[in-house]
């Protein structure tokens, strides 16, 4: 796992000096050659904090941002959501289609920074996991602003990732996010519900977060 994360950092660093600083996602998925063990953020299961959030929630239209190998999208599909899942990597999307060929998920190649206009306000759940924290700082703020507009009336925005209080410098990706940045992601939706947690295999310094917002009927952006 350590070696794989070192590769991610090397690919990210190299791409940062090009006209397409996010091109390393496609390169990583291509290098993996359908070996899931070479994708550091994938363990073949949906994120446990998504599973926890989904308990008791009514279903609707969901969009999964930076869907990777598709486990979170497939989980929502199994629970009855109408799911659109997109990733900037065409290899990741093709791989997801192969893994979950029996699902009803609509798999798409798309760039969070340049989304279709007809997606605005179209989803009862907008789910982002570990995507913003994998982006370099100069793109991250712009990408974060793209999420809240996708949420429908009474819909939810859920973001999950690594959390930092800002007192420890970390070489990324991933770059853990500070509370002030997280709050800004959904500030147009209303009050944030923030949960901090650790997973059983996390090392002591690692803290994670799940932030969620609900767009109330009549909320003005």
Protein backbone atom coordinates (compact mmCIF):
# COMPACT_ATOMS: atom_id res chain seq x y z
CA UNK A 1 0.00 0.00 0.00
CA UNK A 2 2.82 2.42 0.85
CA UNK A 3 4.47 1.79 -2.53
CA UNK A 4 1.18 2.40 -4.31
CA UNK A 5 0.67 5.71 -2.53
CA UNK A 6 4.22 6.71 -3.43
CA UNK A 7 3.33 6.05 -7.06
CA UNK A 8 0.23 8.23 -6.73
CA UNK A 9 2.32 11.09 -5.37
CA UNK A 10 4.90 10.68 -8.12
CA UNK A 11 2.27 10.67 -10.87
CA UNK A 12 0.46 13.64 -9.32
CA UNK A 13 3.66 15.64 -8.97
CA UNK A 14 4.61 14.99 -12.59
CA UNK A 15 1.15 15.92 -13.88
CA UNK A 16 1.14 19.14 -11.83
CA UNK A 17 3.71 20.63 -14.20
CA UNK A 18 1.61 19.96 -17.30
CA UNK A 19 -1.44 21.57 -18.90
CA UNK A 20 -3.60 18.75 -17.46
CA UNK A 21 -2.73 18.37 -13.76
CA UNK A 22 -5.46 15.75 -13.28
CA UNK A 23 -4.20 13.45 -16.03
CA UNK A 24 -2.52 11.22 -13.45
CA UNK A 25 -5.88 9.63 -12.56
CA UNK A 26 -6.13 8.08 -16.02
CA UNK A 27 -2.48 7.05 -15.97
CA UNK A 28 -2.90 5.30 -12.61
CA UNK A 29 -5.97 3.34 -13.72
CA UNK A 30 -4.25 2.35 -16.96
CA UNK A 31 -1.12 1.20 -15.12
CA UNK A 32 -3.24 -0.90 -12.75
CA UNK A 33 -4.41 -3.00 -15.73
CA UNK A 34 -7.59 -4.14 -13.93
CA UNK A 35 -5.72 -5.07 -10.71
CA UNK A 36 -7.83 -3.50 -7.96
CA UNK A 37 -5.03 -3.91 -5.44
CA UNK A 38 -3.07 -1.17 -7.22
CA UNK A 39 -5.73 1.49 -6.57
CA UNK A 40 -4.93 2.75 -3.05
CA UNK A 41 -8.40 4.16 -2.28
CA UNK A 42 -10.32 1.06 -3.36
CA UNK A 43 -10.92 -1.96 -1.14
CA UNK A 44 -13.86 -3.47 -3.04
CA UNK A 45 -16.47 -2.12 -0.62
CA UNK A 46 -18.62 1.01 -0.35
CA UNK A 47 -17.37 3.63 2.06
CA UNK A 48 -18.63 2.68 5.56
CA UNK A 49 -19.69 6.24 6.35
CA UNK A 50 -21.81 6.31 3.21
CA UNK A 51 -23.41 3.05 4.29
CA UNK A 52 -24.09 4.57 7.72
CA UNK A 53 -25.57 7.76 6.21
CA UNK A 54 -27.86 5.87 3.82
CA UNK A 55 -29.66 3.97 6.58
CA UNK A 56 -33.29 5.08 6.66
CA UNK A 57 -32.91 7.69 3.92
CA UNK A 58 -35.55 7.83 1.16
CA UNK A 59 -34.13 7.13 -2.28
CA UNK A 60 -34.13 9.34 -5.36
CA UNK A 61 -31.69 10.52 -8.01
CA UNK A 62 -28.03 10.37 -6.96
CA UNK A 63 -24.79 11.45 -8.57
CA UNK A 64 -21.42 10.05 -7.48
CA UNK A 65 -18.54 12.43 -8.12
CA UNK A 66 -15.18 10.87 -9.02
CA UNK A 67 -16.72 7.41 -8.85
CA UNK A 68 -13.46 5.44 -9.19
CA UNK A 69 -14.09 1.71 -9.42
CA UNK A 70 -17.79 2.15 -8.72
CA UNK A 71 -18.35 0.53 -5.32
CA UNK A 72 -20.24 3.50 -3.84
CA UNK A 73 -22.39 3.92 -6.93
CA UNK A 74 -23.23 0.22 -7.02
CA UNK A 75 -24.17 0.31 -3.33
CA UNK A 76 -26.61 3.16 -3.89
CA UNK A 77 -28.03 1.38 -6.94
CA UNK A 78 -28.63 -1.74 -4.83
CA UNK A 79 -30.55 0.39 -2.33
CA UNK A 80 -32.89 1.69 -5.01
CA UNK A 81 -31.31 5.01 -5.98
CA UNK A 82 -31.26 6.12 -9.63
CA UNK A 83 -27.53 6.63 -9.93
CA UNK A 84 -25.34 8.61 -12.29
CA UNK A 85 -21.63 8.04 -11.62
CA UNK A 86 -18.85 9.92 -13.33
CA UNK A 87 -15.08 10.00 -13.31
CA UNK A 88 -12.47 11.94 -15.25
CA UNK A 89 -10.76 8.65 -16.10
CA UNK A 90 -12.30 6.75 -19.02
CA UNK A 91 -10.41 3.64 -17.89
CA UNK A 92 -12.04 3.84 -14.45
CA UNK A 93 -15.49 4.14 -16.02
CA UNK A 94 -14.92 1.19 -18.38
CA UNK A 95 -13.61 -0.84 -15.45
CA UNK A 96 -16.68 0.03 -13.36
CA UNK A 97 -19.02 -1.05 -16.16
CA UNK A 98 -17.22 -4.40 -16.26
CA UNK A 99 -17.37 -4.86 -12.49
CA UNK A 100 -21.04 -3.94 -12.17
CA UNK A 101 -22.47 -4.96 -15.52
CA UNK A 102 -25.82 -5.96 -13.98
CA UNK A 103 -26.39 -2.63 -12.24
CA UNK A 104 -28.58 0.19 -13.49
CA UNK A 105 -25.93 2.83 -12.85
CA UNK A 106 -25.42 5.38 -15.62
CA UNK A 107 -21.62 5.46 -15.96
CA UNK A 108 -20.13 8.58 -17.56
CA UNK A 109 -16.77 10.20 -18.25
CA UNK A 110 -16.96 13.81 -17.05
CA UNK A 111 -14.85 16.54 -15.47
CA UNK A 112 -16.08 18.08 -12.22
CA UNK A 113 -14.79 21.46 -13.39
CA UNK A 114 -16.87 21.32 -16.59
CA UNK A 115 -20.17 19.60 -15.86
CA UNK A 116 -23.27 19.55 -18.10
CA UNK A 117 -25.59 22.47 -17.34
CA UNK A 118 -28.64 20.19 -17.24
CA UNK A 119 -27.23 18.55 -14.11
CA UNK A 120 -27.79 21.72 -12.07
CA UNK A 121 -30.39 21.10 -9.34
CA UNK A 122 -30.99 17.60 -10.63
CA UNK A 123 -29.98 15.28 -7.79
CA UNK A 124 -31.45 14.30 -4.43
CA UNK A 125 -28.00 13.12 -3.36
CA UNK A 126 -24.66 14.52 -4.46
CA UNK A 127 -21.88 12.28 -3.14
CA UNK A 128 -18.20 13.21 -3.12
CA UNK A 129 -15.66 10.88 -1.50
CA UNK A 130 -11.88 11.47 -1.57
CA UNK A 131 -12.06 13.49 -4.80
CA UNK A 132 -11.47 17.08 -3.68
CA UNK A 133 -8.62 16.00 -1.42
CA UNK A 134 -6.86 14.39 -4.38
CA UNK A 135 -6.83 17.67 -6.33
CA UNK A 136 -4.03 20.23 -6.11
CA UNK A 137 -4.94 23.33 -4.16
CA UNK A 138 -5.22 25.58 -7.21
CA UNK A 139 -8.07 23.42 -8.58
CA UNK A 140 -9.69 22.29 -5.34
CA UNK A 141 -11.57 25.47 -4.44
CA UNK A 142 -13.04 25.82 -7.93
CA UNK A 143 -14.07 22.15 -7.94
CA UNK A 144 -15.71 22.44 -4.51
CA UNK A 145 -18.01 25.19 -5.81
CA UNK A 146 -19.42 22.81 -8.42
CA UNK A 147 -21.07 20.46 -5.90
CA UNK A 148 -23.83 22.40 -4.12
CA UNK A 149 -25.50 23.63 -7.35
CA UNK A 150 -26.19 20.00 -8.30
CA UNK A 151 -28.44 19.45 -5.26
CA UNK A 152 -32.19 19.46 -5.79
CA UNK A 153 -34.80 20.99 -3.45
CA UNK A 154 -34.69 19.04 -0.18
CA UNK A 155 -31.72 17.09 -1.54
CA UNK A 156 -28.47 16.25 0.24
CA UNK A 157 -24.78 16.88 -0.34
CA UNK A 158 -22.46 14.38 1.36
CA UNK A 159 -18.67 14.74 1.36
CA UNK A 160 -16.30 12.20 2.94
CA UNK A 161 -12.54 12.43 3.25
CA UNK A 162 -9.52 13.01 5.46
CA UNK A 163 -9.61 15.79 8.01
CA UNK A 164 -6.91 18.06 9.40
CA UNK A 165 -6.87 20.77 12.04
CA UNK A 166 -4.23 22.53 9.95
CA UNK A 167 -1.32 22.04 12.35
CA UNK A 168 0.41 19.19 10.49
CA UNK A 169 1.91 19.46 7.02
CA UNK A 170 1.18 16.41 4.87
CA UNK A 171 2.58 15.47 1.50
CA UNK A 172 -0.30 14.57 -0.77
CA UNK A 173 -2.31 13.41 -2.43
CA UNK A 174 -4.39 12.94 -0.45
CA UNK A 175 -4.34 16.39 1.15
CA UNK A 176 -6.58 16.35 4.25
CA UNK A 177 -9.11 19.19 4.38
CA UNK A 178 -9.56 21.80 7.09
CA UNK A 179 -12.93 22.57 8.66
CA UNK A 180 -13.12 26.04 7.12
CA UNK A 181 -12.70 24.59 3.63
CA UNK A 182 -15.23 21.83 4.30
CA UNK A 183 -17.79 24.34 5.56
CA UNK A 184 -17.40 26.33 2.38
CA UNK A 185 -18.32 23.39 0.16
CA UNK A 186 -21.98 23.51 1.15
CA UNK A 187 -22.32 26.99 2.61
CA UNK A 188 -25.13 27.87 0.18
CA UNK A 189 -27.18 24.91 1.38
CA UNK A 190 -27.39 25.79 5.06
CA UNK A 191 -26.00 24.30 8.25
CA UNK A 192 -23.35 21.59 8.01
CA UNK A 193 -23.51 18.33 9.95
CA UNK A 194 -19.90 17.21 10.55
CA UNK A 195 -18.89 13.81 11.91
CA UNK A 196 -15.25 12.91 12.63
CA UNK A 197 -14.21 9.26 12.76
CA UNK A 198 -11.42 6.74 12.31
CA UNK A 199 -11.52 3.41 10.52
CA UNK A 200 -10.17 0.27 12.24
CA UNK A 201 -7.01 0.16 10.09
CA UNK A 202 -6.21 3.89 10.36
CA UNK A 203 -2.95 4.95 11.92
CA UNK A 204 -3.26 7.20 14.97
CA UNK A 205 -2.69 10.56 13.18
CA UNK A 206 -5.41 9.86 10.62
CA UNK A 207 -8.81 11.47 11.21
CA UNK A 208 -11.64 11.38 8.70
CA UNK A 209 -14.82 13.35 8.24
CA UNK A 210 -18.29 13.08 6.83
CA UNK A 211 -19.93 16.40 6.13
CA UNK A 212 -23.54 16.62 5.01
CA UNK A 213 -25.98 19.36 4.10
CA UNK A 214 -29.65 19.44 3.11
CA UNK A 215 -31.07 22.04 0.75
CA UNK A 216 -34.29 23.17 2.40
CA UNK A 217 -37.28 24.03 0.22
CA UNK A 218 -37.15 27.68 -0.74
CA UNK A 219 -33.47 28.14 0.21
CA UNK A 220 -32.04 31.00 -1.85
CA UNK A 221 -28.47 30.57 -3.11
